Structures are given as C-alpha cells and as structure tokens.
C-alpha cells in the first residue's frame, strides 16, 4: 500500500511539533491567534503547512452540503 504522506511532509509536521514544544508555534493567519496549546492543533498546522508547500498530503475533508442545518 502506498504512503499517504511523503517523508518530506512528515518532516514539515515534525518541525511544527518541535516549534510547539519550544513555545514558538502560533495559530491563526500570521500567527495572530496566540500560542498553540494542544498536540492535535500542532499536528493540524504541520499538515496544513505541508499542503501549502505542495507536499504529498491527502486533501482536506470536505463537509457534506446537506448536513448543515437550515434556519
């Protein structure tokens, strides 16, 4: 079975995890959202960064159009 994520994508995610441990990883556009607290948030940021760099990462899960509640 082929890899879902490339090795370089894994390195990008690992870098984000290290920045979280160091305390320099920030959320939001331009890092204006404050410090990242959780490991899951750091992982999501790392995957997002890898995706922006064009690495081999699965596409974002799209929301089903009919599942939203109509008001």
N, C-alpha and C. Protein backbone atom coordinates (compact mmCIF):
# COMPACT_ATOMS: atom_id res chain seq x y z
N UNK A 1 0.84 -1.19 0.00
CA UNK A 1 0.00 0.00 0.00
C UNK A 1 0.89 1.25 0.00
N UNK A 2 0.62 2.20 -0.88
CA UNK A 2 1.46 3.40 -0.93
C UNK A 2 1.27 4.30 0.29
N UNK A 3 2.28 5.13 0.53
CA UNK A 3 2.22 6.06 1.66
C UNK A 3 1.18 7.13 1.43
N UNK A 4 0.48 7.52 2.50
CA UNK A 4 -0.49 8.63 2.40
C UNK A 4 0.24 9.97 2.43
N UNK A 5 1.30 10.02 3.22
CA UNK A 5 2.06 11.26 3.39
C UNK A 5 3.49 11.02 2.93
N UNK A 6 4.11 12.00 2.29
CA UNK A 6 5.50 11.85 1.86
C UNK A 6 6.42 12.04 3.07
N UNK A 7 7.67 11.61 2.91
CA UNK A 7 8.63 11.77 4.00
C UNK A 7 8.89 13.24 4.29
N UNK A 8 8.92 14.05 3.23
CA UNK A 8 9.16 15.48 3.44
C UNK A 8 7.99 16.14 4.17
N UNK A 9 6.77 15.63 3.94
CA UNK A 9 5.61 16.14 4.67
C UNK A 9 5.73 15.79 6.15
N UNK A 10 6.24 14.58 6.42
CA UNK A 10 6.45 14.16 7.81
C UNK A 10 7.45 15.07 8.51
N UNK A 11 8.48 15.48 7.77
CA UNK A 11 9.49 16.38 8.35
C UNK A 11 8.89 17.75 8.64
N UNK A 12 7.99 18.21 7.77
CA UNK A 12 7.33 19.50 7.99
C UNK A 12 6.48 19.45 9.25
N UNK A 13 5.76 18.34 9.42
CA UNK A 13 4.91 18.15 10.61
C UNK A 13 5.79 18.05 11.86
N UNK A 14 6.89 17.33 11.76
CA UNK A 14 7.81 17.19 12.90
C UNK A 14 8.36 18.55 13.31
N UNK A 15 8.63 19.40 12.34
CA UNK A 15 9.12 20.75 12.62
C UNK A 15 8.09 21.56 13.39
N UNK A 16 6.82 21.41 13.01
CA UNK A 16 5.74 22.11 13.71
C UNK A 16 5.63 21.61 15.16
N UNK A 17 5.82 20.31 15.34
CA UNK A 17 5.75 19.73 16.69
C UNK A 17 6.90 20.27 17.56
N UNK A 18 8.07 20.39 16.96
CA UNK A 18 9.22 20.94 17.70
C UNK A 18 8.97 22.40 18.08
N UNK A 19 8.39 23.17 17.15
CA UNK A 19 8.09 24.57 17.44
C UNK A 19 7.05 24.68 18.56
N UNK A 20 6.13 23.72 18.63
CA UNK A 20 5.14 23.73 19.71
C UNK A 20 5.83 23.48 21.06
N UNK A 21 6.74 22.50 21.07
CA UNK A 21 7.45 22.19 22.31
C UNK A 21 8.28 23.37 22.78
N UNK A 22 8.86 24.07 21.82
CA UNK A 22 9.68 25.24 22.13
C UNK A 22 8.82 26.42 22.59
N UNK A 23 7.56 26.44 22.15
CA UNK A 23 6.64 27.51 22.53
C UNK A 23 6.55 28.63 21.51
N UNK A 24 7.06 28.38 20.28
CA UNK A 24 7.03 29.43 19.26
C UNK A 24 5.95 29.21 18.20
N UNK A 25 5.25 28.08 18.25
CA UNK A 25 4.21 27.81 17.25
C UNK A 25 2.95 28.57 17.62
N UNK A 26 2.43 29.34 16.66
CA UNK A 26 1.24 30.15 16.90
C UNK A 26 0.18 29.83 15.87
N UNK A 27 -1.07 29.99 16.26
CA UNK A 27 -2.18 29.66 15.37
C UNK A 27 -2.71 30.91 14.67
N UNK A 28 -3.56 30.68 13.70
CA UNK A 28 -4.21 31.78 13.00
C UNK A 28 -3.36 32.37 11.89
N UNK A 29 -3.99 33.20 11.04
CA UNK A 29 -3.24 33.80 9.94
C UNK A 29 -2.18 34.77 10.46
N UNK A 30 -0.95 34.55 10.06
CA UNK A 30 0.15 35.41 10.50
C UNK A 30 0.52 35.22 11.96
N UNK A 31 0.06 34.13 12.59
CA UNK A 31 0.38 33.85 13.99
C UNK A 31 -0.29 34.77 14.98
N UNK A 32 -1.43 35.35 14.58
CA UNK A 32 -2.12 36.30 15.45
C UNK A 32 -3.13 35.64 16.39
N UNK A 33 -3.24 34.31 16.30
CA UNK A 33 -4.25 33.62 17.11
C UNK A 33 -3.76 33.18 18.48
N UNK A 34 -2.51 33.41 18.79
CA UNK A 34 -1.99 33.02 20.10
C UNK A 34 -1.24 31.70 20.04
N UNK A 35 -0.66 31.31 21.19
CA UNK A 35 0.13 30.09 21.27
C UNK A 35 -0.74 28.86 21.06
N UNK A 36 -0.14 27.85 20.44
CA UNK A 36 -0.82 26.57 20.24
C UNK A 36 -0.67 25.77 21.52
N UNK A 37 -1.78 25.26 22.04
CA UNK A 37 -1.75 24.54 23.32
C UNK A 37 -1.71 23.03 23.12
N UNK A 38 -2.49 22.52 22.18
CA UNK A 38 -2.64 21.07 22.07
C UNK A 38 -1.78 20.46 20.98
N UNK A 39 -1.47 19.20 21.18
CA UNK A 39 -0.69 18.42 20.22
C UNK A 39 -1.47 18.26 18.91
N UNK A 40 -2.78 18.05 19.01
CA UNK A 40 -3.63 17.87 17.82
C UNK A 40 -3.63 19.13 16.96
N UNK A 41 -3.65 20.28 17.61
CA UNK A 41 -3.63 21.56 16.89
C UNK A 41 -2.29 21.73 16.16
N UNK A 42 -1.20 21.35 16.82
CA UNK A 42 0.12 21.45 16.21
C UNK A 42 0.22 20.52 15.00
N UNK A 43 -0.34 19.33 15.12
CA UNK A 43 -0.35 18.36 14.03
C UNK A 43 -1.12 18.91 12.83
N UNK A 44 -2.28 19.50 13.10
CA UNK A 44 -3.11 20.08 12.03
C UNK A 44 -2.37 21.22 11.32
N UNK A 45 -1.67 22.05 12.08
CA UNK A 45 -0.91 23.16 11.49
C UNK A 45 0.22 22.61 10.62
N UNK A 46 0.91 21.59 11.10
CA UNK A 46 2.00 20.97 10.34
C UNK A 46 1.52 20.39 9.02
N UNK A 47 0.39 19.70 9.05
CA UNK A 47 -0.18 19.12 7.83
C UNK A 47 -0.60 20.22 6.87
N UNK A 48 -1.20 21.28 7.42
CA UNK A 48 -1.63 22.41 6.60
C UNK A 48 -0.43 23.08 5.92
N UNK A 49 0.66 23.25 6.66
CA UNK A 49 1.88 23.86 6.10
C UNK A 49 2.45 22.98 4.99
N UNK A 50 2.45 21.66 5.21
CA UNK A 50 2.95 20.73 4.20
C UNK A 50 2.10 20.81 2.94
N UNK A 51 0.81 20.94 3.12
CA UNK A 51 -0.12 21.05 1.99
C UNK A 51 0.16 22.32 1.18
N UNK A 52 0.42 23.43 1.90
CA UNK A 52 0.72 24.70 1.23
C UNK A 52 2.02 24.63 0.44
N UNK A 53 2.98 23.84 0.94
CA UNK A 53 4.27 23.69 0.24
C UNK A 53 4.17 22.74 -0.94
N UNK A 54 3.02 22.08 -1.10
CA UNK A 54 2.82 21.17 -2.23
C UNK A 54 3.32 19.76 -2.00
N UNK A 55 3.48 19.37 -0.74
CA UNK A 55 3.93 18.01 -0.43
C UNK A 55 2.79 17.03 -0.64
N UNK A 56 3.13 15.73 -0.63
CA UNK A 56 2.10 14.70 -0.82
C UNK A 56 1.36 14.49 0.50
N UNK A 57 0.17 15.07 0.57
CA UNK A 57 -0.68 15.01 1.76
C UNK A 57 -2.11 14.82 1.25
N UNK A 58 -2.93 13.99 1.91
CA UNK A 58 -4.30 13.83 1.45
C UNK A 58 -5.05 15.16 1.47
N UNK A 59 -6.02 15.35 0.56
CA UNK A 59 -6.76 16.62 0.55
C UNK A 59 -7.61 16.79 1.81
N UNK A 60 -7.97 18.03 2.10
CA UNK A 60 -8.82 18.31 3.26
C UNK A 60 -10.15 17.62 3.10
N UNK A 61 -10.71 17.15 4.21
CA UNK A 61 -12.04 16.53 4.15
C UNK A 61 -13.08 17.61 3.94
N UNK A 62 -13.92 17.41 2.94
CA UNK A 62 -14.95 18.41 2.67
C UNK A 62 -16.21 18.06 3.45
N UNK A 63 -16.92 19.09 3.84
CA UNK A 63 -18.16 18.91 4.59
C UNK A 63 -19.27 18.57 3.61
N UNK A 64 -20.16 17.67 3.99
CA UNK A 64 -21.30 17.33 3.14
C UNK A 64 -22.22 18.54 3.07
N UNK A 65 -22.71 18.86 1.87
CA UNK A 65 -23.51 20.08 1.70
C UNK A 65 -24.87 19.96 2.38
N UNK A 66 -25.43 18.77 2.49
CA UNK A 66 -26.77 18.62 3.06
C UNK A 66 -26.79 18.50 4.57
N UNK A 67 -25.62 18.40 5.21
CA UNK A 67 -25.58 18.15 6.65
C UNK A 67 -25.78 19.41 7.49
N UNK A 68 -25.62 20.60 6.88
CA UNK A 68 -25.78 21.84 7.65
C UNK A 68 -27.24 22.12 7.90
N UNK A 69 -27.52 22.63 9.07
CA UNK A 69 -28.91 22.91 9.46
C UNK A 69 -29.38 24.21 8.81
N UNK A 70 -30.50 24.13 8.15
CA UNK A 70 -31.08 25.32 7.52
C UNK A 70 -31.93 26.06 8.55
N UNK A 71 -31.79 27.38 8.62
CA UNK A 71 -32.56 28.14 9.60
C UNK A 71 -33.72 28.86 8.96
